[in-house]
Amino acid sequence: MSGFAHALPSPVVVVGAGCIGLSTGVELLRRGYPVLLLAHQLPGDALSPDFASTAAGAHHLSFADASDWRQRYFDIKTFERLYRGDLHLRLLEELPDFRIHDATRVPEGIDHVVSFSSMTIEPARYLPHLVRTFASLGGIMQRVPRLASLADARKYAKAPLAIVNCTGLGACDLAEVQDKTVHPVRGQVLALRAPWIKTGWTRQVGSLSGGEGGERTYVIPRASGEVIIGGTREVDDWETQPRDATTQDIIRRALEICPSLARPPGSTEPVDLESLITGKVVGFRPTRDAGIRLEAEKVALDGKDEIVVHNYGHGGYGWQSMWGCAEEAARIVGEEVRKAGKGQPGVLIRAKL
């Protein structure tokens, strides 16, 4: 692909190929911009904790604060893009089928119980879908060494319209960014083969603090019959390997909220959940103290001011806010390009790769 990259007419360069970078690239292409996406890790690579998109659960369950209208907007727009049924129109008022259950029937020790319809996401299936969509729209994806600087992106596109920084944890080390408020929140989950589980469960203990606080236990069924159980939220913990003690704790908590995990159809006795485990996964949520950074700035790269749009710091919100953030990032790119007099998006003539 690298030989074709320079044939793109003044592309928007997106750095990062997780769900944030890919969705942003797709949205820019849909608006008529040529897009070159650069990344050192790509979908399909071996699982890696710092490529958080592949390690996610993932389900759409917003924990945005009631007063955080920006985050709520991103989550709503993403839900609308992912949820294709008629019910998605009701999300502006409430989640589909949202119901607060009778307080007299709430289990002891639980303050309240709500239920609603949402969706789960299988990163191993959805990331390749994003890659195919990106390519079908004419986007070019190129594997490059880890960029130490945004200026390095100009090696692959001499005159970019703009550069979009979707580097997640990498924003901590990029020379022009060095955002030291970005840090990992470690998560460990288990994958089980449990196709009889059709309903997801989540229990929150303690303050949400915008989605990053307290202890959260979840059971996330997937269409494939796989079920993800978790999880942990370990701030500034860089341990890449699953911990046995954490595995046992996750199993204990998951069984508390979903005992049927250990009751396959036809079984007369509970099964040992460890016998159902197909994978133990660790991922680092790319968290930023002040939340998502989604804004533009002019950055001097090799002596020339370039438009840089930042779209990072999503923490555990990446999958459930990606399309809302992608739309906003693309809008900002368009606004900055127009202000700079760099022209309008046009029709990209695609070449066969």
Protein backbone atom coordinates (compact mmCIF):
# COMPACT_ATOMS: atom_id res chain seq x y z
CA MET A 1 0.00 0.00 0.00
CA SER A 2 2.86 2.37 0.72
CA GLY A 3 3.55 3.03 -2.95
CA PHE A 4 0.04 4.38 -3.46
CA ALA A 5 0.02 6.64 -0.43
CA HIS A 6 1.74 9.57 -2.16
CA ALA A 7 -0.82 9.40 -4.99
CA LEU A 8 -3.53 10.68 -2.65
CA PRO A 9 -4.28 14.36 -3.34
CA SER A 10 -3.46 16.24 -0.12
CA PRO A 11 -5.03 13.71 2.23
CA VAL A 12 -6.25 14.08 5.74
CA VAL A 13 -3.83 11.90 7.71
CA VAL A 14 -5.34 9.89 10.56
CA VAL A 15 -2.84 8.45 13.04
CA GLY A 16 -4.11 5.34 14.83
CA ALA A 17 -6.11 2.30 13.65
CA GLY A 18 -8.26 1.45 16.65
CA CYS A 19 -12.01 1.96 16.62
CA ILE A 20 -11.51 5.73 17.05
CA GLY A 21 -9.06 6.12 14.17
CA LEU A 22 -10.99 3.86 11.80
CA SER A 23 -14.40 5.41 12.49
CA THR A 24 -12.89 8.89 12.08
CA GLY A 25 -11.30 7.83 8.79
CA VAL A 26 -14.60 6.41 7.52
CA GLU A 27 -16.51 9.55 8.47
CA LEU A 28 -13.97 11.78 6.70
CA LEU A 29 -14.18 9.63 3.57
CA ARG A 30 -17.97 9.84 3.60
CA ARG A 31 -17.62 13.62 3.60
CA GLY A 32 -15.42 13.52 0.51
CA TYR A 33 -11.92 13.85 1.96
CA PRO A 34 -9.08 11.60 0.80
CA VAL A 35 -7.72 9.82 3.87
CA LEU A 36 -4.40 8.18 4.65
CA LEU A 37 -4.41 6.20 7.89
CA LEU A 38 -1.06 5.47 9.54
CA ALA A 39 -0.55 3.02 12.39
CA HIS A 40 2.03 0.63 13.80
CA GLN A 41 -0.70 -1.74 15.02
CA LEU A 42 -3.53 -2.83 12.75
CA PRO A 43 -6.69 -4.88 13.18
CA GLY A 44 -5.82 -8.53 12.77
CA ASP A 45 -2.54 -8.26 14.66
CA ALA A 46 -1.98 -10.46 17.70
CA LEU A 47 -3.82 -9.27 20.81
CA SER A 48 -1.91 -6.55 22.62
CA PRO A 49 -2.95 -4.75 25.84
CA ASP A 50 -2.09 -1.32 24.43
CA PHE A 51 -4.31 -1.86 21.35
CA ALA A 52 -7.39 -1.52 23.51
CA SER A 53 -10.00 -1.80 20.74
CA THR A 54 -9.33 -5.52 20.32
CA ALA A 55 -9.43 -6.23 24.06
CA ALA A 56 -12.77 -4.57 24.75
CA GLY A 57 -15.91 -6.37 25.97
CA ALA A 58 -17.71 -4.53 24.33
CA HIS A 59 -21.25 -3.30 24.86
CA HIS A 60 -23.08 0.00 24.59
CA LEU A 61 -23.82 1.06 28.16
CA SER A 62 -23.34 4.75 28.82
CA PHE A 63 -22.10 5.88 32.22
CA ALA A 64 -21.90 9.55 31.23
CA ASP A 65 -22.74 11.93 34.07
CA ALA A 66 -26.19 13.49 33.80
CA SER A 67 -24.56 16.91 33.39
CA ASP A 68 -22.03 15.74 30.78
CA TRP A 69 -24.03 16.63 27.68
CA ARG A 70 -21.00 16.36 25.42
CA GLN A 71 -20.31 12.73 26.36
CA ARG A 72 -24.02 11.91 26.26
CA TYR A 73 -24.21 13.33 22.73
CA PHE A 74 -21.27 11.19 21.58
CA ASP A 75 -22.85 8.09 23.09
CA ILE A 76 -26.27 8.80 21.56
CA LYS A 77 -24.86 9.41 18.07
CA THR A 78 -22.89 6.18 18.27
CA PHE A 79 -25.95 4.24 19.42
CA GLU A 80 -27.91 5.62 16.47
CA ARG A 81 -25.25 4.47 14.03
CA LEU A 82 -24.93 1.01 15.54
CA TYR A 83 -28.56 0.28 16.36
CA ARG A 84 -30.45 -0.12 13.10
CA GLY A 85 -33.89 -1.00 14.47
CA ASP A 86 -36.78 1.47 14.63
CA LEU A 87 -36.37 1.76 18.39
CA HIS A 88 -33.17 3.79 18.09
CA LEU A 89 -35.23 6.95 17.55
CA ARG A 90 -36.39 6.76 21.15
CA LEU A 91 -32.87 7.07 22.52
CA LEU A 92 -33.19 10.84 22.49
CA GLU A 93 -35.70 10.45 25.32
CA GLU A 94 -34.58 7.19 26.89
CA LEU A 95 -32.92 3.92 26.04
CA PRO A 96 -35.13 1.46 24.14
CA ASP A 97 -37.35 -0.55 26.49
CA PHE A 98 -35.95 1.31 29.48
CA ARG A 99 -37.68 0.26 32.69
CA ILE A 100 -37.07 0.91 36.39
CA HIS A 101 -38.01 -2.21 38.28
CA ASP A 102 -40.27 -2.28 41.32
CA ALA A 103 -38.21 -1.35 44.38
CA THR A 104 -39.97 -4.01 46.43
CA ARG A 105 -38.54 -6.70 44.16
CA VAL A 106 -34.94 -5.44 44.11
CA PRO A 107 -32.50 -7.97 45.63
CA GLU A 108 -31.10 -7.19 49.07
CA GLY A 109 -28.02 -4.98 48.92
CA ILE A 110 -29.01 -3.45 45.56
CA ASP A 111 -30.28 0.14 45.42
CA HIS A 112 -32.10 -0.11 42.11
CA VAL A 113 -32.44 -2.27 39.00
CA VAL A 114 -33.11 -1.05 35.46
CA SER A 115 -33.41 -2.94 32.19
CA PHE A 116 -33.26 -1.79 28.57
CA SER A 117 -32.34 -2.90 25.07
CA SER A 118 -28.86 -2.22 23.74
CA MET A 119 -26.29 -4.06 21.66
CA THR A 120 -23.00 -5.86 22.10
CA ILE A 121 -20.04 -5.46 19.79
CA GLU A 122 -17.54 -8.13 18.78
CA PRO A 123 -14.29 -6.28 18.04
CA ALA A 124 -12.90 -9.27 16.12
CA ARG A 125 -15.80 -8.89 13.67
CA TYR A 126 -16.48 -5.16 13.73
CA LEU A 127 -12.90 -3.96 13.29
CA PRO A 128 -12.49 -5.91 10.00
CA HIS A 129 -15.85 -4.45 8.93
CA LEU A 130 -14.49 -0.96 9.57
CA VAL A 131 -11.34 -1.81 7.60
CA ARG A 132 -13.41 -3.05 4.63
CA THR A 133 -15.64 0.03 4.76
CA PHE A 134 -12.61 2.30 4.93
CA ALA A 135 -11.02 0.61 1.90
CA SER A 136 -14.26 0.53 -0.11
CA LEU A 137 -14.58 4.30 0.30
CA GLY A 138 -11.07 4.80 -1.07
CA GLY A 139 -9.09 5.14 2.15
CA ILE A 140 -5.48 4.02 2.27
CA MET A 141 -4.13 2.27 5.35
CA GLN A 142 -0.39 1.96 5.88
CA ARG A 143 1.57 0.18 8.58
CA VAL A 144 4.43 2.38 9.73
CA PRO A 145 6.88 2.31 12.65
CA ARG A 146 5.49 3.84 15.86
CA LEU A 147 5.53 7.59 15.30
CA ALA A 148 7.62 9.51 17.80
CA SER A 149 6.32 12.78 16.42
CA LEU A 150 3.38 14.03 14.38
CA ALA A 151 6.02 15.52 12.09
CA ASP A 152 6.88 11.94 11.12
CA ALA A 153 3.46 11.69 9.48
CA ARG A 154 4.62 14.15 6.83
CA LYS A 155 7.06 11.53 5.55
CA TYR A 156 4.03 9.75 4.14
CA ALA A 157 2.02 12.79 3.04
CA LYS A 158 4.03 15.87 2.19
CA ALA A 159 1.11 18.31 2.16
CA PRO A 160 -1.67 16.99 4.39
CA LEU A 161 -4.92 18.89 4.63
CA ALA A 162 -4.91 18.06 8.33
CA ILE A 163 -3.60 15.46 10.76
CA VAL A 164 -6.02 13.73 13.14
CA ASN A 165 -4.42 12.36 16.28
CA CYS A 166 -6.21 9.15 17.33
CA THR A 167 -3.25 7.62 19.15
CA GLY A 168 -4.89 6.79 22.49
CA LEU A 169 -2.17 6.07 25.03
CA GLY A 170 0.38 7.15 22.43
CA ALA A 171 -0.63 10.77 23.01
CA CYS A 172 1.44 10.62 26.18
CA ASP A 173 4.67 10.28 24.19
CA LEU A 174 4.11 12.10 20.88
CA ALA A 175 6.69 14.90 20.78
CA GLU A 176 4.23 17.70 20.00
CA VAL A 177 1.56 16.45 22.41
CA GLN A 178 3.16 14.82 25.47
CA ASP A 179 -0.13 14.75 27.33
CA LYS A 180 0.95 13.41 30.71
CA THR A 181 -2.66 13.31 31.91
CA VAL A 182 -3.15 10.26 29.66
CA HIS A 183 -2.65 6.97 31.49
CA PRO A 184 -3.80 3.35 31.39
CA VAL A 185 -6.71 1.91 33.31
CA ARG A 186 -6.04 -1.81 33.17
CA GLY A 187 -8.90 -4.15 32.45
CA GLN A 188 -8.96 -7.94 32.61
CA VAL A 189 -11.79 -10.00 31.16
CA LEU A 190 -12.53 -13.66 30.52
CA ALA A 191 -14.06 -15.15 27.39
CA LEU A 192 -16.36 -18.13 27.94
CA ARG A 193 -18.16 -20.50 25.61
CA ALA A 194 -21.73 -20.12 26.93
CA PRO A 195 -24.21 -19.81 24.04
CA TRP A 196 -27.22 -20.27 26.36
CA ILE A 197 -26.65 -16.80 27.81
CA LYS A 198 -28.75 -14.31 25.81
CA THR A 199 -29.09 -11.40 28.24
CA GLY A 200 -26.35 -9.07 29.44
CA TRP A 201 -25.98 -8.09 33.08
CA THR A 202 -24.04 -5.25 34.71
CA ARG A 203 -23.68 -4.45 38.40
CA GLN A 204 -22.16 -1.18 39.55
CA VAL A 205 -20.93 -0.81 43.13
CA GLY A 206 -19.83 2.62 44.30
CA SER A 207 -19.63 5.97 42.54
CA LEU A 208 -19.58 6.06 38.76
CA SER A 209 -17.40 9.21 38.65
CA GLY A 210 -18.16 9.67 34.98
CA GLY A 211 -17.80 5.99 34.24
CA GLU A 212 -14.40 5.26 35.76
CA GLY A 213 -15.24 4.81 39.43
CA GLY A 214 -16.38 2.00 41.66
CA GLU A 215 -16.42 -1.72 40.99
CA ARG A 216 -18.22 -2.94 37.91
CA THR A 217 -19.14 -6.52 37.07
CA TYR A 218 -20.55 -7.42 33.68
CA VAL A 219 -21.70 -10.38 31.62
CA ILE A 220 -21.73 -9.59 27.89
CA PRO A 221 -23.15 -12.23 25.51
CA ARG A 222 -22.13 -12.18 21.86
CA ALA A 223 -23.93 -13.46 18.78
CA SER A 224 -21.21 -16.08 18.30
CA GLY A 225 -22.10 -17.78 21.59
CA GLU A 226 -19.07 -16.35 23.34
CA VAL A 227 -19.67 -14.50 26.60
CA ILE A 228 -17.32 -11.89 28.07
CA ILE A 229 -17.22 -11.55 31.85
CA GLY A 230 -15.33 -8.93 33.77
CA GLY A 231 -13.95 -6.75 34.83
CA THR A 232 -11.34 -4.63 36.54
CA ARG A 233 -10.39 -0.96 36.56
CA GLU A 234 -6.80 -0.72 37.77
CA VAL A 235 -5.40 2.77 37.39
CA ASP A 236 -1.80 3.13 36.13
CA ASP A 237 -1.31 -0.64 36.16
CA TRP A 238 0.88 -1.77 33.25
CA GLU A 239 0.81 -5.51 33.96
CA THR A 240 0.24 -7.20 30.60
CA GLN A 241 -0.44 -10.74 31.82
CA PRO A 242 -3.71 -12.00 33.35
CA ARG A 243 -3.58 -12.44 37.11
CA ASP A 244 -4.91 -15.72 38.51
CA ALA A 245 -6.38 -14.02 41.58
CA THR A 246 -8.23 -11.59 39.33
CA THR A 247 -9.57 -14.46 37.24
CA GLN A 248 -11.06 -16.08 40.34
CA ASP A 249 -12.54 -12.79 41.52
CA ILE A 250 -14.17 -12.16 38.13
CA ILE A 251 -15.69 -15.66 38.14
CA ARG A 252 -17.07 -15.12 41.66
CA ARG A 253 -18.63 -11.76 40.82
CA ALA A 254 -20.05 -12.89 37.48
CA LEU A 255 -21.79 -15.86 39.10
CA GLU A 256 -23.33 -13.55 41.70
CA ILE A 257 -25.17 -11.56 39.03
CA CYS A 258 -25.70 -14.37 36.50
CA PRO A 259 -25.81 -17.84 38.14
CA SER A 260 -27.05 -19.38 34.87
CA LEU A 261 -23.50 -19.07 33.51
CA ALA A 262 -22.78 -22.31 35.34
CA ARG A 263 -26.02 -24.00 34.24
CA PRO A 264 -25.76 -25.19 30.62
CA PRO A 265 -29.03 -26.57 29.22
CA GLY A 266 -29.56 -30.13 30.39
CA SER A 267 -27.08 -29.92 33.26
CA THR A 268 -28.17 -31.24 36.63
CA GLU A 269 -25.29 -29.69 38.56
CA PRO A 270 -23.42 -26.38 38.18
CA VAL A 271 -20.32 -26.64 36.00
CA ASP A 272 -16.92 -25.23 36.88
CA LEU A 273 -16.73 -21.94 34.99
CA GLU A 274 -13.01 -22.40 34.41
CA SER A 275 -13.86 -25.30 32.12
CA LEU A 276 -15.73 -22.85 29.87
CA ILE A 277 -12.90 -20.30 29.58
CA THR A 278 -11.60 -19.83 26.03
CA GLY A 279 -9.45 -16.78 26.70
CA LYS A 280 -8.08 -14.39 29.29
CA VAL A 281 -7.57 -10.89 27.95
CA VAL A 282 -5.85 -7.79 29.33
CA GLY A 283 -6.30 -4.33 27.86
CA PHE A 284 -5.25 -0.80 28.78
CA ARG A 285 -8.07 1.75 28.53
CA PRO A 286 -6.48 4.96 27.17
CA THR A 287 -7.85 7.28 29.85
CA ARG A 288 -7.37 11.03 30.15
CA ASP A 289 -7.95 12.86 33.43
CA ALA A 290 -10.14 15.56 31.84
CA GLY A 291 -11.93 13.15 29.52
CA ILE A 292 -11.89 13.03 25.74
CA ARG A 293 -9.75 15.61 23.98
CA LEU A 294 -11.55 16.58 20.78
CA GLU A 295 -10.30 19.89 19.45
CA ALA A 296 -8.07 21.50 16.83
CA GLU A 297 -4.82 23.36 17.16
CA LYS A 298 -2.12 24.67 14.85
CA VAL A 299 1.13 22.79 15.38
CA ALA A 300 4.50 23.68 13.87
CA LEU A 301 5.79 20.56 12.08
CA ASP A 302 9.18 20.92 10.43
CA GLY A 303 8.76 24.68 10.49
CA LYS A 304 5.30 24.69 8.91
CA ASP A 305 2.01 25.18 10.73
CA GLU A 306 -0.31 22.23 10.23
CA ILE A 307 -3.90 21.66 11.30
CA VAL A 308 -3.97 18.98 14.00
CA VAL A 309 -7.28 17.66 15.31
CA HIS A 310 -7.01 15.62 18.51
CA ASN A 311 -9.42 12.75 19.13
CA TYR A 312 -8.06 10.72 22.05
CA GLY A 313 -8.54 10.03 25.75
CA HIS A 314 -11.67 7.87 25.44
CA GLY A 315 -10.84 5.50 28.30
CA GLY A 316 -13.49 2.79 28.44
CA TYR A 317 -15.82 4.83 26.20
CA GLY A 318 -14.18 4.13 22.84
CA TRP A 319 -16.65 1.71 21.29
CA GLN A 320 -19.75 3.42 22.64
CA SER A 321 -18.76 6.96 21.63
CA MET A 322 -16.70 6.37 18.47
CA TRP A 323 -19.24 7.48 15.85
CA GLY A 324 -20.28 10.58 17.77
CA CYS A 325 -16.61 11.52 18.18
CA ALA A 326 -15.89 10.68 14.53
CA GLU A 327 -18.64 13.02 13.34
CA GLU A 328 -17.38 15.81 15.57
CA ALA A 329 -13.75 15.28 14.51
CA ALA A 330 -14.74 15.36 10.83
CA ARG A 331 -16.78 18.52 11.42
CA ILE A 332 -13.80 20.19 13.08
CA VAL A 333 -11.51 19.14 10.21
CA GLY A 334 -13.91 20.71 7.71
CA GLU A 335 -14.17 23.90 9.72
CA GLU A 336 -10.40 24.26 10.10
CA VAL A 337 -9.70 23.43 6.45
CA ARG A 338 -12.19 26.07 5.32
CA LYS A 339 -10.73 28.68 7.69
CA ALA A 340 -7.26 27.91 6.33
CA GLY A 341 -8.49 28.31 2.75
CA LYS A 342 -7.39 24.82 1.82
CA GLY A 343 -10.50 24.12 -0.25
CA GLN A 344 -13.46 21.80 -0.04
CA PRO A 345 -13.66 18.01 -0.07
CA GLY A 346 -14.08 16.54 -3.52
CA VAL A 347 -14.62 13.23 -5.21
CA LEU A 348 -11.81 10.76 -4.64
CA ILE A 349 -11.05 8.55 -7.63
CA ARG A 350 -10.17 5.14 -6.23
CA ALA A 351 -7.46 2.93 -7.61
CA LYS A 352 -7.47 -0.84 -7.30
CA LEU A 353 -4.91 -1.96 -4.71
